[in-house]
Protein backbone atom coordinates (compact mmCIF):
# COMPACT_ATOMS: atom_id res chain seq x y z
CA MET A 1 -34.64 -54.36 -61.99
CA LEU A 2 -33.84 -56.09 -58.72
CA ASN A 3 -35.69 -57.09 -55.56
CA LEU A 4 -33.92 -58.56 -52.53
CA ALA A 5 -36.76 -61.09 -52.27
CA VAL A 6 -35.16 -62.90 -55.23
CA LEU A 7 -32.93 -64.69 -52.69
CA LEU A 8 -35.96 -66.55 -51.34
CA GLU A 9 -37.83 -66.83 -54.63
CA ASP A 10 -34.96 -68.34 -56.60
CA SER A 11 -34.33 -71.00 -53.94
CA ALA A 12 -38.07 -71.76 -53.67
CA ARG A 13 -38.22 -72.25 -57.43
CA GLU A 14 -35.04 -74.34 -57.76
CA ALA A 15 -35.29 -76.37 -54.52
CA PRO A 16 -38.88 -76.06 -53.22
CA ASN A 17 -38.68 -79.09 -50.93
CA ASN A 18 -35.37 -78.20 -49.30
CA THR A 19 -35.62 -77.24 -45.65
CA ALA A 20 -35.36 -73.46 -45.26
CA VAL A 21 -36.08 -72.97 -41.56
CA ILE A 22 -35.80 -75.18 -38.47
CA PHE A 23 -37.35 -74.01 -35.22
CA ASN A 24 -37.49 -76.48 -32.34
CA GLU A 25 -39.25 -79.47 -33.92
CA MET A 26 -40.72 -77.44 -36.81
CA LYS A 27 -39.27 -77.55 -40.31
CA LEU A 28 -40.45 -75.32 -43.15
CA SER A 29 -39.51 -75.85 -46.77
CA TYR A 30 -38.48 -73.07 -49.13
CA ALA A 31 -41.82 -73.45 -50.89
CA ALA A 32 -43.69 -73.01 -47.59
CA VAL A 33 -41.74 -69.92 -46.54
CA ASN A 34 -42.20 -68.37 -49.98
CA ALA A 35 -45.94 -69.07 -49.98
CA ALA A 36 -46.38 -67.53 -46.53
CA ALA A 37 -44.36 -64.45 -47.58
CA ASN A 38 -46.65 -64.13 -50.60
CA GLN A 39 -49.66 -64.07 -48.28
CA VAL A 40 -48.07 -61.25 -46.28
CA ALA A 41 -47.37 -59.33 -49.49
CA ASN A 42 -50.98 -59.76 -50.66
CA GLY A 43 -52.23 -58.56 -47.30
CA LEU A 44 -50.00 -55.47 -47.44
CA ARG A 45 -51.12 -54.66 -50.98
CA ASN A 46 -54.76 -54.88 -49.89
CA LEU A 47 -53.98 -52.40 -47.09
CA GLY A 48 -52.75 -49.91 -49.65
CA ILE A 49 -49.04 -50.30 -48.85
CA GLU A 50 -47.22 -49.09 -51.94
CA PRO A 51 -43.69 -49.58 -53.28
CA GLY A 52 -41.27 -47.45 -51.29
CA ASP A 53 -43.45 -47.33 -48.16
CA LYS A 54 -41.69 -48.20 -44.88
CA VAL A 55 -42.85 -51.17 -42.80
CA ALA A 56 -41.27 -51.86 -39.40
CA LEU A 57 -40.67 -55.31 -37.89
CA SER A 58 -39.91 -56.31 -34.28
CA CYS A 59 -39.37 -60.05 -34.13
CA PRO A 60 -36.84 -62.45 -32.59
CA ASN A 61 -35.29 -65.39 -34.43
CA ILE A 62 -38.46 -67.32 -35.19
CA PRO A 63 -39.90 -68.36 -38.59
CA TYR A 64 -42.11 -65.26 -38.75
CA PHE A 65 -39.07 -63.03 -39.19
CA PRO A 66 -38.10 -64.22 -42.70
CA ILE A 67 -41.76 -64.66 -43.66
CA VAL A 68 -42.67 -61.06 -42.84
CA TYR A 69 -39.29 -59.66 -43.98
CA TYR A 70 -39.56 -61.10 -47.49
CA GLY A 71 -43.30 -60.40 -47.62
CA ILE A 72 -42.59 -56.70 -47.09
CA LEU A 73 -39.93 -56.78 -49.82
CA LYS A 74 -42.20 -58.61 -52.25
CA ALA A 75 -44.76 -55.81 -51.85
CA GLY A 76 -42.04 -53.37 -52.90
CA ALA A 77 -41.91 -51.81 -49.44
CA VAL A 78 -38.86 -51.07 -47.28
CA VAL A 79 -38.16 -53.27 -44.24
CA VAL A 80 -37.30 -51.44 -41.02
CA PRO A 81 -36.09 -54.12 -38.56
CA LEU A 82 -36.14 -52.99 -34.92
CA ASN A 83 -34.23 -54.24 -31.91
CA VAL A 84 -36.57 -56.46 -29.88
CA LEU A 85 -35.40 -54.88 -26.61
CA LEU A 86 -36.64 -51.37 -27.43
CA LYS A 87 -39.08 -49.71 -25.04
CA PRO A 88 -42.26 -47.83 -26.16
CA ARG A 89 -40.59 -44.40 -26.27
CA GLU A 90 -37.74 -45.79 -28.40
CA ILE A 91 -40.13 -47.67 -30.68
CA ALA A 92 -42.14 -44.50 -31.24
CA TYR A 93 -38.95 -42.67 -32.22
CA HIS A 94 -38.00 -45.33 -34.78
CA LEU A 95 -41.50 -45.46 -36.29
CA GLN A 96 -41.62 -41.68 -36.62
CA ASP A 97 -38.04 -41.27 -37.81
CA SER A 98 -38.46 -43.91 -40.53
CA ASP A 99 -41.95 -42.73 -41.60
CA SER A 100 -43.21 -46.29 -41.19
CA ARG A 101 -46.79 -46.80 -42.35
CA ALA A 102 -47.18 -50.26 -40.80
CA TYR A 103 -45.60 -52.16 -37.92
CA PHE A 104 -45.39 -55.92 -37.22
CA CYS A 105 -44.50 -56.85 -33.65
CA PHE A 106 -44.14 -60.26 -31.99
CA GLU A 107 -46.25 -60.71 -28.86
CA GLY A 108 -43.25 -61.77 -26.77
CA THR A 109 -43.36 -63.47 -23.40
CA GLU A 110 -44.22 -62.62 -19.80
CA GLN A 111 -40.55 -61.81 -19.22
CA LEU A 112 -40.35 -59.68 -22.39
CA PRO A 113 -43.84 -58.40 -23.35
CA MET A 114 -42.76 -57.13 -26.75
CA GLY A 115 -46.31 -56.85 -28.02
CA GLN A 116 -47.44 -54.57 -25.22
CA MET A 117 -44.37 -52.36 -25.61
CA GLY A 118 -44.71 -52.35 -29.38
CA TYR A 119 -48.36 -51.37 -29.28
CA GLY A 120 -47.55 -48.63 -26.76
CA GLY A 121 -44.87 -47.26 -29.09
CA PHE A 122 -47.23 -47.52 -32.07
CA GLN A 123 -49.89 -45.50 -30.26
CA GLU A 124 -47.33 -42.93 -29.13
CA ALA A 125 -45.95 -42.53 -32.66
CA GLY A 126 -49.28 -41.47 -34.09
CA SER A 127 -47.98 -41.32 -37.66
CA CYS A 128 -47.93 -45.11 -38.17
CA GLU A 129 -51.26 -46.35 -39.57
CA HIS A 130 -51.30 -50.13 -39.08
CA PHE A 131 -50.23 -52.42 -36.23
CA PHE A 132 -50.11 -56.20 -36.50
CA LEU A 133 -49.40 -58.46 -33.54
CA ILE A 134 -47.41 -61.57 -34.43
CA THR A 135 -48.81 -64.33 -32.24
CA ALA A 136 -46.98 -67.59 -31.56
CA ASN A 137 -50.14 -69.40 -32.67
CA PRO A 138 -51.21 -67.77 -35.95
CA ALA A 139 -54.84 -68.72 -35.29
CA ALA A 140 -54.91 -67.15 -31.82
CA PRO A 141 -56.96 -64.00 -31.20
CA PRO A 142 -55.05 -60.78 -30.37
CA SER A 143 -54.00 -60.52 -26.75
CA ILE A 144 -54.10 -56.72 -27.02
CA GLU A 145 -57.46 -55.03 -27.30
CA GLY A 146 -57.84 -53.20 -30.58
CA ALA A 147 -54.93 -54.92 -32.30
CA LYS A 148 -55.05 -57.08 -35.40
CA THR A 149 -52.82 -60.11 -35.82
CA LEU A 150 -50.52 -61.30 -38.57
CA GLY A 151 -52.78 -64.33 -38.84
CA MET A 152 -55.74 -62.06 -39.57
CA LEU A 153 -53.76 -60.23 -42.26
CA MET A 154 -52.72 -63.49 -43.95
CA ALA A 155 -56.12 -65.22 -43.67
CA ASN A 156 -57.60 -66.15 -47.04
CA GLN A 157 -54.76 -64.47 -48.91
CA PRO A 158 -53.51 -66.38 -51.97
CA PRO A 159 -50.08 -68.05 -51.69
CA LYS A 160 -48.95 -66.52 -54.98
CA PHE A 161 -47.83 -62.95 -55.57
CA ASP A 162 -46.31 -61.06 -58.46
CA THR A 163 -43.35 -59.42 -56.73
CA GLU A 164 -43.01 -55.68 -57.25
CA PRO A 165 -39.96 -54.93 -59.40
CA ARG A 166 -37.54 -52.42 -57.89
CA MET A 167 -34.55 -50.59 -59.23
CA ALA A 168 -31.18 -51.74 -57.94
CA ASP A 169 -30.59 -48.47 -56.09
CA ASP A 170 -34.05 -48.33 -54.50
CA THR A 171 -34.01 -48.70 -50.73
CA ALA A 172 -34.67 -52.26 -49.50
CA VAL A 173 -33.86 -52.03 -45.79
CA ILE A 174 -33.33 -49.29 -43.24
CA LEU A 175 -31.03 -50.54 -40.48
CA TYR A 176 -30.75 -48.40 -37.40
CA THR A 177 -27.35 -47.86 -35.82
CA SER A 178 -27.02 -48.54 -32.12
CA GLY A 179 -27.00 -44.87 -31.28
CA THR A 180 -23.94 -44.90 -29.03
CA THR A 181 -23.66 -41.18 -29.73
CA GLY A 182 -26.92 -39.24 -30.05
CA GLN A 183 -30.14 -40.66 -31.45
CA PRO A 184 -30.00 -43.80 -33.63
CA LYS A 185 -29.76 -43.15 -37.35
CA GLY A 186 -31.33 -45.28 -40.08
CA ALA A 187 -28.85 -46.47 -42.72
CA GLU A 188 -30.63 -46.78 -46.08
CA LEU A 189 -29.42 -49.92 -47.84
CA SER A 190 -30.40 -50.57 -51.43
CA HIS A 191 -31.50 -53.82 -53.03
CA SER A 192 -28.11 -53.91 -54.75
CA ASN A 193 -26.25 -53.31 -51.46
CA MET A 194 -28.02 -56.23 -49.80
CA VAL A 195 -27.97 -58.69 -52.71
CA MET A 196 -24.27 -58.13 -53.36
CA ASN A 197 -23.46 -58.63 -49.68
CA ALA A 198 -25.50 -61.85 -49.54
CA ARG A 199 -23.70 -63.20 -52.60
CA LEU A 200 -20.36 -62.83 -50.84
CA ALA A 201 -21.10 -66.30 -49.46
CA ASP A 202 -19.80 -67.68 -52.76
CA ASN A 203 -16.52 -65.80 -52.44
CA LEU A 204 -15.83 -66.18 -48.74
CA PHE A 205 -17.19 -69.50 -47.52
CA GLU A 206 -16.92 -73.07 -48.73
CA THR A 207 -20.67 -73.26 -49.21
CA ARG A 208 -22.28 -76.46 -50.40
CA LEU A 209 -25.41 -75.53 -52.30
CA GLY A 210 -28.45 -76.87 -50.50
CA GLU A 211 -26.41 -78.82 -47.92
CA ASP A 212 -25.35 -76.36 -45.21
CA VAL A 213 -27.10 -75.99 -41.87
CA HIS A 214 -26.67 -72.64 -40.11
CA LEU A 215 -27.11 -72.11 -36.40
CA VAL A 216 -28.68 -68.64 -36.39
CA THR A 217 -28.47 -67.09 -32.95
CA LEU A 218 -27.26 -63.67 -34.08
CA PRO A 219 -30.37 -61.43 -34.02
CA LEU A 220 -31.92 -61.24 -37.46
CA PHE A 221 -32.85 -57.61 -36.85
CA HIS A 222 -29.09 -56.89 -36.84
CA SER A 223 -27.07 -56.55 -40.04
CA PHE A 224 -24.65 -59.42 -39.29
CA GLY A 225 -27.25 -62.17 -38.86
CA GLN A 226 -29.53 -60.69 -41.49
CA SER A 227 -27.01 -60.51 -44.34
CA VAL A 228 -24.43 -63.20 -43.59
CA GLN A 229 -26.84 -65.88 -42.40
CA MET A 230 -30.45 -65.21 -43.46
CA ASN A 231 -29.91 -63.57 -46.84
CA GLY A 232 -26.64 -65.39 -47.51
CA GLY A 233 -28.10 -68.68 -46.29
CA PHE A 234 -31.25 -68.37 -48.39
CA TYR A 235 -29.09 -67.52 -51.42
CA THR A 236 -27.17 -70.80 -50.99
CA ARG A 237 -30.35 -72.80 -50.12
CA ALA A 238 -29.11 -73.61 -46.63
CA ALA A 239 -31.28 -74.66 -43.70
CA LEU A 240 -31.43 -72.03 -40.94
CA SER A 241 -31.85 -73.42 -37.42
CA LEU A 242 -33.16 -70.48 -35.41
CA LEU A 243 -32.28 -69.77 -31.79
CA PRO A 244 -34.09 -66.66 -30.46
CA ARG A 245 -31.69 -65.95 -27.62
CA PHE A 246 -28.10 -67.13 -27.37
CA ASP A 247 -27.44 -69.65 -24.65
CA PRO A 248 -24.41 -71.96 -24.80
CA ASP A 249 -26.41 -74.98 -23.67
CA ALA A 250 -29.12 -74.46 -26.28
CA ALA A 251 -26.54 -73.67 -28.97
CA LEU A 252 -24.59 -76.89 -28.37
CA ALA A 253 -27.82 -78.90 -28.28
CA ILE A 254 -28.85 -77.54 -31.71
CA MET A 255 -25.37 -78.08 -33.13
CA GLU A 256 -25.56 -81.72 -32.14
CA ARG A 257 -29.23 -82.28 -33.11
CA ASP A 258 -29.22 -80.53 -36.50
CA ASN A 259 -25.68 -81.38 -37.63
CA VAL A 260 -24.79 -77.69 -37.89
CA THR A 261 -22.11 -76.91 -40.47
CA PHE A 262 -22.01 -73.10 -40.18
CA PHE A 263 -21.82 -70.99 -37.04
CA ALA A 264 -21.58 -67.21 -36.94
CA GLY A 265 -21.22 -65.27 -33.74
CA VAL A 266 -19.68 -62.36 -31.92
CA PRO A 267 -16.60 -63.00 -29.76
CA THR A 268 -18.54 -63.23 -26.50
CA MET A 269 -20.54 -66.17 -27.94
CA TYR A 270 -17.34 -68.07 -28.72
CA TRP A 271 -16.10 -67.24 -25.24
CA ALA A 272 -19.36 -68.55 -23.69
CA LEU A 273 -19.21 -71.82 -25.67
CA LEU A 274 -15.63 -72.37 -24.54
CA ASN A 275 -16.38 -71.67 -20.89
CA TYR A 276 -19.72 -73.48 -20.59
CA PRO A 277 -19.25 -76.03 -17.76
CA GLY A 278 -21.89 -78.43 -19.12
CA ALA A 279 -20.39 -78.78 -22.60
CA ASP A 280 -19.14 -82.33 -22.05
CA LYS A 281 -22.68 -83.73 -21.93
CA TYR A 282 -22.85 -83.15 -25.69
CA ASP A 283 -21.06 -85.11 -28.38
CA LEU A 284 -18.39 -82.50 -29.02
CA ALA A 285 -16.54 -84.80 -31.41
CA LYS A 286 -19.65 -85.03 -33.60
CA ILE A 287 -20.16 -81.27 -33.43
CA ALA A 288 -16.53 -80.73 -34.46
CA ARG A 289 -16.85 -83.19 -37.39
CA ASN A 290 -19.88 -81.37 -38.80
CA LEU A 291 -18.76 -77.79 -38.18
CA ARG A 292 -17.00 -76.68 -41.35
CA MET A 293 -17.28 -72.92 -41.04
CA ALA A 294 -17.09 -70.52 -38.12
CA VAL A 295 -17.15 -66.76 -38.64
CA SER A 296 -16.87 -63.90 -36.21
CA GLY A 297 -17.67 -60.21 -36.39
CA GLY A 298 -19.31 -57.41 -34.47
CA SER A 299 -16.19 -56.64 -32.44
CA ALA A 300 -12.57 -57.75 -32.35
CA MET A 301 -11.99 -61.41 -31.45
CA PRO A 302 -9.45 -61.83 -28.63
CA VAL A 303 -6.61 -63.94 -29.99
CA GLU A 304 -6.64 -66.26 -26.95
CA VAL A 305 -10.34 -67.03 -27.45
CA MET A 306 -9.82 -67.72 -31.16
CA LYS A 307 -6.95 -70.14 -30.57
CA ALA A 308 -8.80 -72.02 -27.84
CA PHE A 309 -11.98 -72.43 -29.90
CA GLU A 310 -10.12 -73.56 -33.01
CA ASN A 311 -8.23 -76.16 -30.98
CA ARG A 312 -11.35 -77.49 -29.28
CA PHE A 313 -13.65 -77.67 -32.32
CA ASN A 314 -11.06 -78.25 -35.05
CA VAL A 315 -12.36 -75.40 -37.19
CA LYS A 316 -10.77 -72.27 -38.57
CA ILE A 317 -12.51 -69.08 -37.46
CA LEU A 318 -12.74 -66.47 -40.19
CA GLU A 319 -12.96 -63.01 -38.71
CA GLY A 320 -14.53 -60.15 -40.63
CA TYR A 321 -15.46 -56.53 -40.20
CA GLY A 322 -18.28 -54.28 -41.22
CA LEU A 323 -20.97 -51.89 -40.11
CA SER A 324 -24.70 -51.46 -40.63
CA GLU A 325 -23.66 -48.74 -43.07
CA THR A 326 -21.78 -51.33 -45.21
CA SER A 327 -24.58 -53.91 -45.49
CA PRO A 328 -22.52 -55.03 -43.35
CA VAL A 329 -19.48 -56.95 -44.66
CA ALA A 330 -16.46 -54.85 -45.70
CA THR A 331 -13.44 -57.07 -44.97
CA PHE A 332 -12.99 -60.77 -44.29
CA ASN A 333 -10.28 -63.34 -43.85
CA ARG A 334 -10.06 -65.99 -46.55
CA ILE A 335 -10.04 -69.76 -46.42
CA GLU A 336 -7.37 -70.03 -49.08
CA ARG A 337 -5.00 -67.52 -47.47
CA PRO A 338 -2.95 -67.69 -44.29
CA SER A 339 -4.67 -66.57 -41.11
CA LYS A 340 -3.27 -63.57 -39.31
CA PRO A 341 -4.46 -63.57 -35.70
CA GLY A 342 -5.95 -60.23 -34.76
CA SER A 343 -6.68 -59.26 -38.37
CA VAL A 344 -10.17 -58.80 -39.85
CA GLY A 345 -8.83 -59.77 -43.24
CA LEU A 346 -8.83 -58.19 -46.67
CA PRO A 347 -11.40 -56.00 -48.42
CA VAL A 348 -14.16 -58.14 -49.96
CA TRP A 349 -14.97 -58.19 -53.68
CA GLY A 350 -15.92 -54.78 -55.03
CA VAL A 351 -14.85 -52.88 -51.91
CA ASP A 352 -11.92 -50.53 -51.29
CA VAL A 353 -10.49 -49.76 -47.84
CA ARG A 354 -7.92 -47.15 -46.91
CA ILE A 355 -6.41 -45.91 -43.65
CA ALA A 356 -6.42 -42.12 -43.44
CA ASP A 357 -5.46 -39.22 -41.19
CA GLU A 358 -7.75 -36.40 -40.05
CA GLU A 359 -7.37 -34.67 -43.45
CA ASP A 360 -8.32 -37.89 -45.32
CA ASN A 361 -4.75 -38.39 -46.50
CA GLU A 362 -3.67 -42.02 -46.68
CA VAL A 363 -1.21 -42.82 -43.89
CA PRO A 364 1.99 -44.84 -44.44
CA GLN A 365 1.72 -48.63 -44.26
CA GLY A 366 1.46 -49.91 -40.71
CA GLU A 367 0.50 -46.56 -39.18
CA LEU A 368 -2.79 -45.92 -37.41
CA GLY A 369 -5.64 -43.94 -38.93
CA GLU A 370 -9.38 -43.93 -39.52
CA ILE A 371 -10.79 -46.72 -41.68
CA LEU A 372 -12.48 -45.39 -44.83
CA ILE A 373 -14.60 -47.58 -47.12
CA ARG A 374 -16.12 -47.28 -50.57
CA GLY A 375 -17.80 -49.85 -52.81
CA ASN A 376 -21.01 -51.67 -53.67
CA ASN A 377 -21.76 -52.25 -49.98
CA VAL A 378 -21.86 -48.63 -48.79
CA MET A 379 -25.26 -47.26 -47.81
CA LYS A 380 -27.14 -44.61 -49.76
CA GLY A 381 -27.04 -42.49 -46.61
CA TYR A 382 -28.80 -42.00 -43.30
CA TYR A 383 -32.53 -41.57 -43.79
CA ASN A 384 -33.47 -37.87 -43.61
CA LYS A 385 -30.15 -36.94 -41.97
CA PRO A 386 -28.34 -34.59 -44.41
CA GLU A 387 -25.91 -33.26 -41.80
CA ALA A 388 -24.91 -36.77 -40.67
CA ASN A 389 -24.48 -37.79 -44.32
CA ALA A 390 -22.22 -34.83 -44.99
CA GLU A 391 -20.05 -35.91 -42.06
CA ALA A 392 -19.98 -39.66 -42.78
CA LEU A 393 -19.87 -39.67 -46.60
CA ARG A 394 -17.03 -37.30 -47.45
CA ASN A 395 -14.87 -37.23 -50.56
CA GLY A 396 -16.49 -40.41 -51.90
CA TRP A 397 -15.66 -42.51 -48.83
CA LEU A 398 -17.60 -43.72 -45.79
CA HIS A 399 -15.82 -42.56 -42.64
CA THR A 400 -16.30 -45.39 -40.16
CA GLY A 401 -15.02 -43.83 -36.95
CA ASP A 402 -12.88 -46.93 -36.41
CA ILE A 403 -9.13 -46.79 -35.91
CA GLY A 404 -7.05 -49.38 -37.74
CA ARG A 405 -3.91 -50.15 -39.67
CA MET A 406 -3.01 -52.07 -42.83
CA ASP A 407 -0.01 -54.38 -43.10
CA GLU A 408 2.27 -55.06 -46.07
CA ASP A 409 -0.11 -57.73 -47.41
CA GLY A 410 -3.19 -55.53 -47.27
CA TYR A 411 -4.67 -57.14 -44.12
CA ILE A 412 -6.69 -54.78 -41.93
CA TYR A 413 -6.36 -54.63 -38.15
CA ILE A 414 -8.97 -52.89 -36.01
CA VAL A 415 -7.40 -51.08 -33.10
CA ASP A 416 -10.46 -49.39 -31.60
CA ARG A 417 -13.33 -47.00 -32.05
CA VAL A 418 -12.29 -43.36 -32.27
CA LYS A 419 -14.71 -42.57 -29.46
CA ASP A 420 -13.38 -45.43 -27.29
CA MET A 421 -9.79 -44.22 -27.41
CA ILE A 422 -8.43 -43.08 -24.04
CA ILE A 423 -6.12 -40.06 -23.93
CA ARG A 424 -4.02 -40.33 -20.78
CA GLY A 425 -1.63 -37.46 -20.20
CA GLY A 426 -1.41 -36.79 -23.93
CA PHE A 427 -0.79 -40.46 -24.84
CA ASN A 428 -3.33 -42.44 -26.87
CA VAL A 429 -4.40 -45.68 -25.19
CA TYR A 430 -6.38 -48.18 -27.28
CA PRO A 431 -8.63 -50.29 -25.01
CA ARG A 432 -8.54 -53.34 -27.25
CA GLU A 433 -4.76 -53.58 -26.97
CA VAL A 434 -4.98 -53.47 -23.17
CA GLU A 435 -7.79 -56.05 -23.19
CA GLU A 436 -5.72 -58.45 -25.31
CA VAL A 437 -2.84 -58.28 -22.80
CA LEU A 438 -5.14 -58.73 -19.79
CA MET A 439 -6.81 -61.78 -21.35
CA ALA A 440 -3.42 -63.42 -21.71
CA HIS A 441 -3.30 -63.69 -17.90
CA PRO A 442 -4.15 -67.28 -16.86
CA ALA A 443 -6.84 -66.13 -14.40
CA VAL A 444 -8.66 -63.71 -16.72
CA SER A 445 -11.60 -64.92 -18.77
CA LEU A 446 -12.98 -61.62 -20.11
CA ALA A 447 -11.85 -57.98 -19.97
CA ALA A 448 -13.34 -54.62 -20.92
CA VAL A 449 -11.33 -51.41 -20.69
CA VAL A 450 -12.70 -47.86 -20.56
CA GLY A 451 -11.47 -44.39 -19.68
CA THR A 452 -12.44 -42.69 -16.45
CA PRO A 453 -11.99 -38.97 -15.69
CA ASP A 454 -8.81 -37.99 -13.84
CA ASP A 455 -7.78 -34.55 -12.59
CA GLN A 456 -4.09 -35.07 -13.25
CA TYR A 457 -4.02 -37.01 -16.54
CA GLY A 458 -7.39 -36.12 -18.06
CA GLU A 459 -8.32 -39.80 -18.25
CA GLU A 460 -7.19 -42.93 -16.48
CA VAL A 461 -7.42 -46.53 -17.68
CA LYS A 462 -9.94 -48.76 -15.91
CA ALA A 463 -10.41 -52.49 -16.51
CA PHE A 464 -13.48 -54.57 -15.72
CA ILE A 465 -12.49 -58.22 -15.29
CA VAL A 466 -14.39 -61.52 -15.29
CA LEU A 467 -12.22 -64.28 -13.84
CA LYS A 468 -12.19 -67.90 -14.98
CA GLU A 469 -14.31 -70.17 -12.79
CA ASP A 470 -11.39 -72.40 -11.82
CA ALA A 471 -8.88 -69.57 -11.47
CA GLU A 472 -6.88 -69.08 -8.33
CA GLU A 473 -7.91 -66.00 -6.40
CA ILE A 474 -6.06 -62.89 -7.50
CA SER A 475 -6.19 -59.40 -6.01
CA GLU A 476 -6.58 -56.12 -7.80
CA GLU A 477 -3.05 -55.17 -6.74
CA ALA A 478 -1.54 -58.39 -8.08
CA LEU A 479 -3.26 -58.12 -11.45
CA ARG A 480 -2.30 -54.46 -11.76
CA ALA A 481 1.34 -55.32 -11.01
CA TRP A 482 1.26 -58.08 -13.65
CA ALA A 483 -0.26 -55.67 -16.18
CA LYS A 484 2.44 -53.08 -15.42
CA GLU A 485 5.11 -55.68 -16.23
CA ASN A 486 3.49 -56.49 -19.57
CA MET A 487 2.66 -53.09 -21.05
CA ALA A 488 3.91 -49.52 -21.15
CA ASP A 489 3.43 -47.43 -18.01
CA TYR A 490 0.88 -45.13 -19.62
CA LYS A 491 -1.26 -48.11 -20.76
CA TYR A 492 -1.71 -50.39 -17.79
CA PRO A 493 -4.97 -50.00 -15.81
CA ARG A 494 -4.67 -48.07 -12.57
CA TYR A 495 -8.21 -49.13 -11.66
CA ILE A 496 -9.44 -52.73 -11.78
CA GLU A 497 -12.93 -53.92 -10.90
CA PHE A 498 -13.88 -57.60 -10.76
CA ARG A 499 -17.35 -58.58 -11.99
CA ASP A 500 -19.29 -61.81 -12.42
CA THR A 501 -20.62 -60.65 -15.80
CA LEU A 502 -20.29 -57.71 -18.17
CA PRO A 503 -23.24 -55.85 -19.71
CA MET A 504 -23.98 -56.85 -23.29
CA ASN A 505 -26.48 -55.82 -25.93
CA ALA A 506 -28.76 -58.12 -27.91
CA THR A 507 -25.96 -58.99 -30.35
CA GLY A 508 -23.49 -59.90 -27.60
CA LYS A 509 -21.34 -56.78 -27.80
CA ILE A 510 -20.01 -55.52 -24.48
CA LEU A 511 -21.77 -52.26 -23.63
CA LYS A 512 -18.88 -50.05 -22.66
CA ARG A 513 -21.19 -47.07 -22.29
CA ASP A 514 -22.71 -48.86 -19.30
CA LEU A 515 -19.25 -49.25 -17.77
CA ARG A 516 -18.17 -45.66 -18.19
CA PRO A 517 -18.83 -43.23 -15.32
CA ALA A 518 -22.05 -41.27 -15.79
C-alpha cells in the first residue's frame, strides 16, 4: 500500500513545526499544510469523490497548490494539474479527456483572469460535476456567480483525515504533455513512480534534512517543479519559498531574504539571472555562500551559460534530463563524479537508458540514436490513448523522441528532438549544436535555431538571435560569415533574424513552434 501523500504526512509527523512553505511574508509549518490538506480531503469525501476519481487543479506557485494537491491524494483521487495559461477551450478538453469529476481553479488577476477562464472551460466541458474557485482570501465570497470557493469546501471540515490507502501501481497524477504534435496526452503516473522519483533527492543532492530552503519558481503544475522541488522538498523536510512567476529581480530578492540553498530552473532562467542589469543591488556574495545546489533541466543548458553562472555564484550546476512520461527524472549528473559540460549525466537509480536506431537496435558507443528508457519512473501509459501507448511503449522501453548519444563512461548527451531535426539537402542538422556555436560569439546572448522550407534543399537553417545589451552592433551578414567559419557549410544559418526576446512557455522553454513558419 502506498499513497504519494506520505511525503507530506511523514514530514508533518516527524517535524510538525518546521517551515514547509514561504510565500511573501507568510510561513506555514508542515503541521499547518497537512491540516489544511486534510480539510480538503474531508470536503472531497463529503462530495462523494471516491478513490480513483480524477480531480483537476489550475493554480500557480502559491500555498494552495500543495494544500489542494495533497488533499486530492489523501482522498485517494488522482491529481490532474493543468497549465495556468490554458484558455477555456483547452481547459474543457483537459477536463473531458481526463474524465475529471471536480476542478479547483485559482481566481487569478486582472491581467490573467484564470478563474473566469477556468469556469468557462468547466461549463463547456459539461462532464465535470464540481467547480471550486480558489480565492486569494479564503474567506472571500466567490467573484463568479454560481461558483463555490475552496474556502467554502474547507469550512468546518476537521483537520484530521484517515488517508485512503492506494496500491503502488494505482494512478496518482496525470500530467499532460505540452502537445507540440497533436492534442496533449495525459501521462498516467503511479504512486510508486512519483514516490521513487521524489526519493532521488537522497541519491542526487547533498540534502540536509530539515535545513534546505528551495526557491520554487518552476511551475508546480509541471513535472520538474512538482517532483524535484515540491515532492522531493517535502520528502526532505525543506522549506519551499514560492515564486508564482519567474522574474530575475524577484528571484534574487528571495534568494537573499530567505537564504536559499537550492535553486532549480530551466536554462533560460539561469541566462536571465546572469544578464539581469540590476543584480548588483543584491548581496551576491551572501547568495553565493548560501547556494549549495543548482540543478537544470527542461532543455539543454548552453555550455557558455553554465560556465558563467558557476563562476559568478560559485556553485556547480547539475544538469539532468527527463520527461513528464518519466515522472520526470531519468538521468542526472552527480556531485561525486566529474562534470562533463553538455552532458545530462548518468541514468538515475533503478533506470536503464539505451541509444537505439529506428529498429530499436542499440547503436555503437558515441553514435546518435533515439533515447529509450525503462525503469521505475516510466509512466503506466497515456490515459485512454491505446494507439499512442503502442507507439511510445514498444518492446518494454519508452521511446522518447529525443536524439542523443552515450560516451565511454555512460554519460548521456542530448542532441535534439527528433521532430526538431533539420534535414538540409539530405544532411541532418541538429539545432542545438548550431545554437551552442552561435552562443559562443561574444555578441550573442541567446539563440534559437529552426528549419524553414526551401525549394532547393528541402529545409534551410534559420537562427533567431538575442544580442547582449552591451554588445557592439553586428549585422546579419557579419554573424553569418562568422558562423560559416565555425561550422560545416551545411550547418550554418543562411537566415538570421535579430529579436529583443524569444517566445517561451510557462516553464521557460523556448517555443520553437512559434518561430517556425506557419
